[in-house]
Amino acid sequence: MNIDVKVLTKVINNWDPIALLEGGAPVDEYSIEIREIAEQCSLCKSETDLAKLIYTVFNDKMGVKLNHLACLNQAFKITEQVK
């Protein structure tokens, strides 16, 4: 699945998974993670794959373990925006 960086940015920033934006961080705070997700999302065949990718990227880049169901919810939001 191919997902535009703008769509990813909108969904991830609205989600603000670790409340950095809410705390006053710059709007591009998640840009590294978003870019990596965009680069690797072509390997995803389903929302479950995308959720795993989101979880893995945030874990690898920021050392945070996000809620798996929250990642899946965001994956569905992302794919709804792409359709």
PDB file of N, CA and C in Angstrom:
ATOM      1  N   MET A   1       0.847  -1.172   0.000  1.00  0.00           N
ATOM      2  CA  MET A   1       0.000   0.000   0.000  1.00  0.00           C
ATOM      3  C   MET A   1       0.892   1.235   0.000  1.00  0.00           C
ATOM      4  N   ASN A   2       0.513   2.205  -0.809  1.00  0.00           N
ATOM      5  CA  ASN A   2       1.262   3.455  -0.887  1.00  0.00           C
ATOM      6  C   ASN A   2       0.459   4.550  -0.197  1.00  0.00           C
ATOM      7  N   ILE A   3       1.102   5.247   0.701  1.00  0.00           N
ATOM      8  CA  ILE A   3       0.415   6.265   1.480  1.00  0.00           C
ATOM      9  C   ILE A   3       1.197   7.567   1.392  1.00  0.00           C
ATOM     10  N   ASP A   4       0.492   8.625   1.072  1.00  0.00           N
ATOM     11  CA  ASP A   4       1.096   9.944   0.950  1.00  0.00           C
ATOM     12  C   ASP A   4       1.578  10.452   2.316  1.00  0.00           C
ATOM     13  N   VAL A   5       2.710  11.104   2.314  1.00  0.00           N
ATOM     14  CA  VAL A   5       3.284  11.640   3.552  1.00  0.00           C
ATOM     15  C   VAL A   5       2.327  12.643   4.206  1.00  0.00           C
ATOM     16  N   LYS A   6       1.583  13.385   3.399  1.00  0.00           N
ATOM     17  CA  LYS A   6       0.643  14.369   3.953  1.00  0.00           C
ATOM     18  C   LYS A   6      -0.462  13.685   4.751  1.00  0.00           C
ATOM     19  N   VAL A   7      -0.941  12.558   4.244  1.00  0.00           N
ATOM     20  CA  VAL A   7      -1.973  11.798   4.956  1.00  0.00           C
ATOM     21  C   VAL A   7      -1.403  11.262   6.266  1.00  0.00           C
ATOM     22  N   LEU A   8      -0.224  10.665   6.185  1.00  0.00           N
ATOM     23  CA  LEU A   8       0.413  10.150   7.399  1.00  0.00           C
ATOM     24  C   LEU A   8       0.634  11.260   8.419  1.00  0.00           C
ATOM     25  N   THR A   9       1.113  12.390   7.956  1.00  0.00           N
ATOM     26  CA  THR A   9       1.380  13.513   8.857  1.00  0.00           C
ATOM     27  C   THR A   9       0.108  13.966   9.566  1.00  0.00           C
ATOM     28  N   LYS A  10      -0.965  14.092   8.792  1.00  0.00           N
ATOM     29  CA  LYS A  10      -2.239  14.525   9.376  1.00  0.00           C
ATOM     30  C   LYS A  10      -2.718  13.562  10.451  1.00  0.00           C
ATOM     31  N   VAL A  11      -2.726  12.274  10.139  1.00  0.00           N
ATOM     32  CA  VAL A  11      -3.242  11.282  11.080  1.00  0.00           C
ATOM     33  C   VAL A  11      -2.334  11.156  12.304  1.00  0.00           C
ATOM     34  N   ILE A  12      -1.033  11.045  12.096  1.00  0.00           N
ATOM     35  CA  ILE A  12      -0.107  10.882  13.219  1.00  0.00           C
ATOM     36  C   ILE A  12      -0.119  12.119  14.116  1.00  0.00           C
ATOM     37  N   ASN A  13      -0.104  13.305  13.510  1.00  0.00           N
ATOM     38  CA  ASN A  13      -0.117  14.523  14.325  1.00  0.00           C
ATOM     39  C   ASN A  13      -1.427  14.688  15.084  1.00  0.00           C
ATOM     40  N   ASN A  14      -2.553  14.339  14.469  1.00  0.00           N
ATOM     41  CA  ASN A  14      -3.832  14.399  15.189  1.00  0.00           C
ATOM     42  C   ASN A  14      -3.858  13.406  16.347  1.00  0.00           C
ATOM     43  N   TRP A  15      -3.255  12.264  16.137  1.00  0.00           N
ATOM     44  CA  TRP A  15      -3.176  11.230  17.179  1.00  0.00           C
ATOM     45  C   TRP A  15      -2.224  11.670  18.282  1.00  0.00           C
ATOM     46  N   ASP A  16      -1.087  12.230  17.912  1.00  0.00           N
ATOM     47  CA  ASP A  16      -0.048  12.670  18.854  1.00  0.00           C
ATOM     48  C   ASP A  16       0.240  11.549  19.867  1.00  0.00           C
ATOM     49  N   PRO A  17       0.797  10.429  19.391  1.00  0.00           N
ATOM     50  CA  PRO A  17       0.879   9.206  20.189  1.00  0.00           C
ATOM     51  C   PRO A  17       1.582   9.311  21.543  1.00  0.00           C
ATOM     52  N   ILE A  18       2.502  10.239  21.676  1.00  0.00           N
ATOM     53  CA  ILE A  18       3.143  10.382  22.993  1.00  0.00           C
ATOM     54  C   ILE A  18       3.016  11.813  23.518  1.00  0.00           C
ATOM     55  N   ALA A  19       1.997  12.510  23.033  1.00  0.00           N
ATOM     56  CA  ALA A  19       1.594  13.831  23.539  1.00  0.00           C
ATOM     57  C   ALA A  19       2.703  14.875  23.500  1.00  0.00           C
ATOM     58  N   LEU A  20       3.577  14.771  22.511  1.00  0.00           N
ATOM     59  CA  LEU A  20       4.636  15.768  22.382  1.00  0.00           C
ATOM     60  C   LEU A  20       4.098  17.081  21.823  1.00  0.00           C
ATOM     61  N   LEU A  21       3.204  16.994  20.847  1.00  0.00           N
ATOM     62  CA  LEU A  21       2.639  18.199  20.254  1.00  0.00           C
ATOM     63  C   LEU A  21       1.773  18.933  21.270  1.00  0.00           C
ATOM     64  N   GLU A  22       1.028  18.164  22.035  1.00  0.00           N
ATOM     65  CA  GLU A  22       0.198  18.739  23.093  1.00  0.00           C
ATOM     66  C   GLU A  22       1.063  19.493  24.103  1.00  0.00           C
ATOM     67  N   GLY A  23       2.276  19.004  24.299  1.00  0.00           N
ATOM     68  CA  GLY A  23       3.192  19.627  25.246  1.00  0.00           C
ATOM     69  C   GLY A  23       3.980  20.790  24.671  1.00  0.00           C
ATOM     70  N   GLY A  24       3.717  21.151  23.411  1.00  0.00           N
ATOM     71  CA  GLY A  24       4.366  22.305  22.822  1.00  0.00           C
ATOM     72  C   GLY A  24       5.488  22.007  21.846  1.00  0.00           C
ATOM     73  N   ALA A  25       5.683  20.745  21.498  1.00  0.00           N
ATOM     74  CA  ALA A  25       6.724  20.385  20.523  1.00  0.00           C
ATOM     75  C   ALA A  25       6.363  20.941  19.150  1.00  0.00           C
ATOM     76  N   PRO A  26       7.361  21.150  18.295  1.00  0.00           N
ATOM     77  CA  PRO A  26       7.074  21.656  16.943  1.00  0.00           C
ATOM     78  C   PRO A  26       6.235  20.663  16.132  1.00  0.00           C
ATOM     79  N   VAL A  27       5.488  21.188  15.163  1.00  0.00           N
ATOM     80  CA  VAL A  27       4.572  20.344  14.386  1.00  0.00           C
ATOM     81  C   VAL A  27       5.283  19.265  13.580  1.00  0.00           C
ATOM     82  N   ASP A  28       6.584  19.408  13.368  1.00  0.00           N
ATOM     83  CA  ASP A  28       7.322  18.380  12.628  1.00  0.00           C
ATOM     84  C   ASP A  28       8.017  17.373  13.555  1.00  0.00           C
ATOM     85  N   GLU A  29       7.583  17.313  14.785  1.00  0.00           N
ATOM     86  CA  GLU A  29       8.213  16.442  15.788  1.00  0.00           C
ATOM     87  C   GLU A  29       8.275  14.979  15.347  1.00  0.00           C
ATOM     88  N   TYR A  30       7.243  14.505  14.683  1.00  0.00           N
ATOM     89  CA  TYR A  30       7.181  13.097  14.274  1.00  0.00           C
ATOM     90  C   TYR A  30       7.634  12.884  12.832  1.00  0.00           C
ATOM     91  N   SER A  31       8.277  13.859  12.217  1.00  0.00           N
ATOM     92  CA  SER A  31       8.607  13.778  10.789  1.00  0.00           C
ATOM     93  C   SER A  31       9.537  12.609  10.446  1.00  0.00           C
ATOM     94  N   ILE A  32      10.464  12.297  11.320  1.00  0.00           N
ATOM     95  CA  ILE A  32      11.379  11.168  11.056  1.00  0.00           C
ATOM     96  C   ILE A  32      10.595   9.858  11.021  1.00  0.00           C
ATOM     97  N   GLU A  33       9.720   9.672  11.999  1.00  0.00           N
ATOM     98  CA  GLU A  33       8.914   8.447  12.068  1.00  0.00           C
ATOM     99  C   GLU A  33       7.949   8.374  10.885  1.00  0.00           C
ATOM    100  N   ILE A  34       7.327   9.505  10.558  1.00  0.00           N
ATOM    101  CA  ILE A  34       6.377   9.551   9.443  1.00  0.00           C
ATOM    102  C   ILE A  34       7.077   9.209   8.130  1.00  0.00           C
ATOM    103  N   ARG A  35       8.241   9.777   7.928  1.00  0.00           N
ATOM    104  CA  ARG A  35       8.993   9.504   6.700  1.00  0.00           C
ATOM    105  C   ARG A  35       9.354   8.021   6.597  1.00  0.00           C
ATOM    106  N   GLU A  36       9.772   7.419   7.700  1.00  0.00           N
ATOM    107  CA  GLU A  36      10.120   5.995   7.661  1.00  0.00           C
ATOM    108  C   GLU A  36       8.893   5.128   7.387  1.00  0.00           C
ATOM    109  N   ILE A  37       7.778   5.465   8.001  1.00  0.00           N
ATOM    110  CA  ILE A  37       6.544   4.715   7.742  1.00  0.00           C
ATOM    111  C   ILE A  37       6.173   4.835   6.268  1.00  0.00           C
ATOM    112  N   ALA A  38       6.268   6.041   5.715  1.00  0.00           N
ATOM    113  CA  ALA A  38       5.941   6.258   4.302  1.00  0.00           C
ATOM    114  C   ALA A  38       6.846   5.438   3.392  1.00  0.00           C
ATOM    115  N   GLU A  39       8.128   5.364   3.735  1.00  0.00           N
ATOM    116  CA  GLU A  39       9.080   4.609   2.921  1.00  0.00           C
ATOM    117  C   GLU A  39       8.818   3.108   2.955  1.00  0.00           C
ATOM    118  N   GLN A  40       8.351   2.604   4.089  1.00  0.00           N
ATOM    119  CA  GLN A  40       8.180   1.156   4.243  1.00  0.00           C
ATOM    120  C   GLN A  40       6.752   0.669   4.036  1.00  0.00           C
ATOM    121  N   CYS A  41       5.793   1.571   3.906  1.00  0.00           N
ATOM    122  CA  CYS A  41       4.394   1.139   3.844  1.00  0.00           C
ATOM    123  C   CYS A  41       4.064   0.354   2.576  1.00  0.00           C
ATOM    124  N   SER A  42       4.901   0.454   1.560  1.00  0.00           N
ATOM    125  CA  SER A  42       4.637  -0.316   0.341  1.00  0.00           C
ATOM    126  C   SER A  42       4.715  -1.819   0.604  1.00  0.00           C
ATOM    127  N   LEU A  43       5.359  -2.210   1.699  1.00  0.00           N
ATOM    128  CA  LEU A  43       5.448  -3.625   2.072  1.00  0.00           C
ATOM    129  C   LEU A  43       4.199  -4.107   2.805  1.00  0.00           C
ATOM    130  N   CYS A  44       3.352  -3.174   3.222  1.00  0.00           N
ATOM    131  CA  CYS A  44       2.155  -3.523   3.993  1.00  0.00           C
ATOM    132  C   CYS A  44       1.029  -3.974   3.066  1.00  0.00           C
ATOM    133  N   LYS A  45       0.421  -5.073   3.412  1.00  0.00           N
ATOM    134  CA  LYS A  45      -0.682  -5.624   2.623  1.00  0.00           C
ATOM    135  C   LYS A  45      -2.043  -5.373   3.279  1.00  0.00           C
ATOM    136  N   SER A  46      -2.022  -4.963   4.549  1.00  0.00           N
ATOM    137  CA  SER A  46      -3.273  -4.796   5.291  1.00  0.00           C
ATOM    138  C   SER A  46      -3.092  -3.744   6.384  1.00  0.00           C
ATOM    139  N   GLU A  47      -4.197  -3.384   7.018  1.00  0.00           N
ATOM    140  CA  GLU A  47      -4.137  -2.458   8.141  1.00  0.00           C
ATOM    141  C   GLU A  47      -3.335  -3.051   9.294  1.00  0.00           C
ATOM    142  N   THR A  48      -3.404  -4.360   9.461  1.00  0.00           N
ATOM    143  CA  THR A  48      -2.634  -5.021  10.517  1.00  0.00           C
ATOM    144  C   THR A  48      -1.139  -4.856  10.274  1.00  0.00           C
ATOM    145  N   ASP A  49      -0.726  -5.035   9.031  1.00  0.00           N
ATOM    146  CA  ASP A  49       0.690  -4.833   8.688  1.00  0.00           C
ATOM    147  C   ASP A  49       1.110  -3.389   8.948  1.00  0.00           C
ATOM    148  N   LEU A  50       0.242  -2.440   8.578  1.00  0.00           N
ATOM    149  CA  LEU A  50       0.544  -1.029   8.792  1.00  0.00           C
ATOM    150  C   LEU A  50       0.628  -0.715  10.287  1.00  0.00           C
ATOM    151  N   ALA A  51      -0.259  -1.292  11.070  1.00  0.00           N
ATOM    152  CA  ALA A  51      -0.227  -1.087  12.521  1.00  0.00           C
ATOM    153  C   ALA A  51       1.079  -1.615  13.116  1.00  0.00           C
ATOM    154  N   LYS A  52       1.517  -2.769  12.658  1.00  0.00           N
ATOM    155  CA  LYS A  52       2.785  -3.325  13.130  1.00  0.00           C
ATOM    156  C   LYS A  52       3.953  -2.418  12.753  1.00  0.00           C
ATOM    157  N   LEU A  53       3.895  -1.861  11.549  1.00  0.00           N
ATOM    158  CA  LEU A  53       4.946  -0.952  11.101  1.00  0.00           C
ATOM    159  C   LEU A  53       4.971   0.306  11.972  1.00  0.00           C
ATOM    160  N   ILE A  54       3.814   0.890  12.231  1.00  0.00           N
ATOM    161  CA  ILE A  54       3.735   2.074  13.092  1.00  0.00           C
ATOM    162  C   ILE A  54       4.328   1.767  14.459  1.00  0.00           C
ATOM    163  N   TYR A  55       3.917   0.656  15.031  1.00  0.00           N
ATOM    164  CA  TYR A  55       4.430   0.255  16.350  1.00  0.00           C
ATOM    165  C   TYR A  55       5.955   0.110  16.314  1.00  0.00           C
ATOM    166  N   THR A  56       6.455  -0.593  15.327  1.00  0.00           N
ATOM    167  CA  THR A  56       7.890  -0.875  15.226  1.00  0.00           C
ATOM    168  C   THR A  56       8.700   0.402  15.040  1.00  0.00           C
ATOM    169  N   VAL A  57       8.239   1.284  14.171  1.00  0.00           N
ATOM    170  CA  VAL A  57       8.975   2.526  13.910  1.00  0.00           C
ATOM    171  C   VAL A  57       9.053   3.377  15.174  1.00  0.00           C
ATOM    172  N   PHE A  58       7.943   3.534  15.865  1.00  0.00           N
ATOM    173  CA  PHE A  58       7.980   4.350  17.089  1.00  0.00           C
ATOM    174  C   PHE A  58       8.809   3.686  18.177  1.00  0.00           C
ATOM    175  N   ASN A  59       8.778   2.379  18.235  1.00  0.00           N
ATOM    176  CA  ASN A  59       9.595   1.670  19.218  1.00  0.00           C
ATOM    177  C   ASN A  59      11.076   1.822  18.894  1.00  0.00           C
ATOM    178  N   ASP A  60      11.430   1.639  17.630  1.00  0.00           N
ATOM    179  CA  ASP A  60      12.833   1.722  17.218  1.00  0.00           C
ATOM    180  C   ASP A  60      13.384   3.140  17.307  1.00  0.00           C
ATOM    181  N   LYS A  61      12.608   4.123  16.881  1.00  0.00           N
ATOM    182  CA  LYS A  61      13.098   5.501  16.804  1.00  0.00           C
ATOM    183  C   LYS A  61      13.018   6.250  18.127  1.00  0.00           C
ATOM    184  N   MET A  62      11.949   5.991  18.899  1.00  0.00           N
ATOM    185  CA  MET A  62      11.741   6.779  20.111  1.00  0.00           C
ATOM    186  C   MET A  62      11.799   5.945  21.382  1.00  0.00           C
ATOM    187  N   GLY A  63      11.887   4.633  21.219  1.00  0.00           N
ATOM    188  CA  GLY A  63      11.948   3.763  22.389  1.00  0.00           C
ATOM    189  C   GLY A  63      10.646   3.668  23.163  1.00  0.00           C
ATOM    190  N   VAL A  64       9.525   3.942  22.492  1.00  0.00           N
ATOM    191  CA  VAL A  64       8.222   3.854  23.163  1.00  0.00           C
ATOM    192  C   VAL A  64       7.451   2.649  22.651  1.00  0.00           C
ATOM    193  N   LYS A  65       6.752   2.033  23.551  1.00  0.00           N
ATOM    194  CA  LYS A  65       5.902   0.894  23.201  1.00  0.00           C
ATOM    195  C   LYS A  65       4.453   1.389  23.203  1.00  0.00           C
ATOM    196  N   LEU A  66       3.949   1.637  22.000  1.00  0.00           N
ATOM    197  CA  LEU A  66       2.587   2.120  21.857  1.00  0.00           C
ATOM    198  C   LEU A  66       1.601   0.980  22.033  1.00  0.00           C
ATOM    199  N   ASN A  67       0.379   1.330  22.325  1.00  0.00           N
ATOM    200  CA  ASN A  67      -0.695   0.358  22.432  1.00  0.00           C
ATOM    201  C   ASN A  67      -0.978  -0.210  21.039  1.00  0.00           C
ATOM    202  N   HIS A  68      -0.986  -1.522  20.935  1.00  0.00           N
ATOM    203  CA  HIS A  68      -1.184  -2.173  19.630  1.00  0.00           C
ATOM    204  C   HIS A  68      -2.541  -1.832  19.017  1.00  0.00           C
ATOM    205  N   LEU A  69      -3.585  -1.789  19.831  1.00  0.00           N
ATOM    206  CA  LEU A  69      -4.914  -1.462  19.308  1.00  0.00           C
ATOM    207  C   LEU A  69      -4.978  -0.011  18.844  1.00  0.00           C
ATOM    208  N   ALA A  70      -4.286   0.874  19.522  1.00  0.00           N
ATOM    209  CA  ALA A  70      -4.238   2.271  19.101  1.00  0.00           C
ATOM    210  C   ALA A  70      -3.547   2.378  17.741  1.00  0.00           C
ATOM    211  N   CYS A  71      -2.492   1.609  17.549  1.00  0.00           N
ATOM    212  CA  CYS A  71      -1.799   1.595  16.254  1.00  0.00           C
ATOM    213  C   CYS A  71      -2.724   1.069  15.163  1.00  0.00           C
ATOM    214  N   LEU A  72      -3.482   0.037  15.464  1.00  0.00           N
ATOM    215  CA  LEU A  72      -4.416  -0.518  14.487  1.00  0.00           C
ATOM    216  C   LEU A  72      -5.511   0.498  14.147  1.00  0.00           C
ATOM    217  N   ASN A  73      -6.004   1.190  15.158  1.00  0.00           N
ATOM    218  CA  ASN A  73      -7.012   2.228  14.932  1.00  0.00           C
ATOM    219  C   ASN A  73      -6.472   3.305  13.997  1.00  0.00           C
ATOM    220  N   GLN A  74      -5.251   3.723  14.200  1.00  0.00           N
ATOM    221  CA  GLN A  74      -4.645   4.737  13.346  1.00  0.00           C
ATOM    222  C   GLN A  74      -4.408   4.197  11.935  1.00  0.00           C
ATOM    223  N   ALA A  75      -4.052   2.936  11.831  1.00  0.00           N
ATOM    224  CA  ALA A  75      -3.856   2.317  10.513  1.00  0.00           C
ATOM    225  C   ALA A  75      -5.163   2.371   9.708  1.00  0.00           C
ATOM    226  N   PHE A  76      -6.283   2.100  10.366  1.00  0.00           N
ATOM    227  CA  PHE A  76      -7.577   2.189   9.681  1.00  0.00           C
ATOM    228  C   PHE A  76      -7.885   3.634   9.289  1.00  0.00           C
ATOM    229  N   LYS A  77      -7.572   4.573  10.152  1.00  0.00           N
ATOM    230  CA  LYS A  77      -7.790   5.995   9.813  1.00  0.00           C
ATOM    231  C   LYS A  77      -6.963   6.399   8.597  1.00  0.00           C
ATOM    232  N   ILE A  78      -5.724   5.906   8.552  1.00  0.00           N
ATOM    233  CA  ILE A  78      -4.843   6.229   7.426  1.00  0.00           C
ATOM    234  C   ILE A  78      -5.405   5.656   6.129  1.00  0.00           C
ATOM    235  N   THR A  79      -5.790   4.388   6.151  1.00  0.00           N
ATOM    236  CA  THR A  79      -6.274   3.757   4.921  1.00  0.00           C
ATOM    237  C   THR A  79      -7.615   4.355   4.475  1.00  0.00           C
ATOM    238  N   GLU A  80      -8.430   4.812   5.419  1.00  0.00           N
ATOM    239  CA  GLU A  80      -9.681   5.484   5.034  1.00  0.00           C
ATOM    240  C   GLU A  80      -9.393   6.770   4.269  1.00  0.00           C
ATOM    241  N   GLN A  81      -8.340   7.473   4.637  1.00  0.00           N
ATOM    242  CA  GLN A  81      -7.974   8.727   3.976  1.00  0.00           C
ATOM    243  C   GLN A  81      -7.419   8.461   2.556  1.00  0.00           C
ATOM    244  N   VAL A  82      -6.874   7.274   2.358  1.00  0.00           N
ATOM    245  CA  VAL A  82      -6.243   6.951   1.081  1.00  0.00           C
ATOM    246  C   VAL A  82      -7.278   6.511   0.054  1.00  0.00           C
ATOM    247  N   LYS A  83      -8.354   5.904   0.502  1.00  0.00           N
ATOM    248  CA  LYS A  83      -9.366   5.357  -0.416  1.00  0.00           C
ATOM    249  C   LYS A  83     -10.081   6.424  -1.195  1.00  0.00           C
TER     250      LYS A  83
END
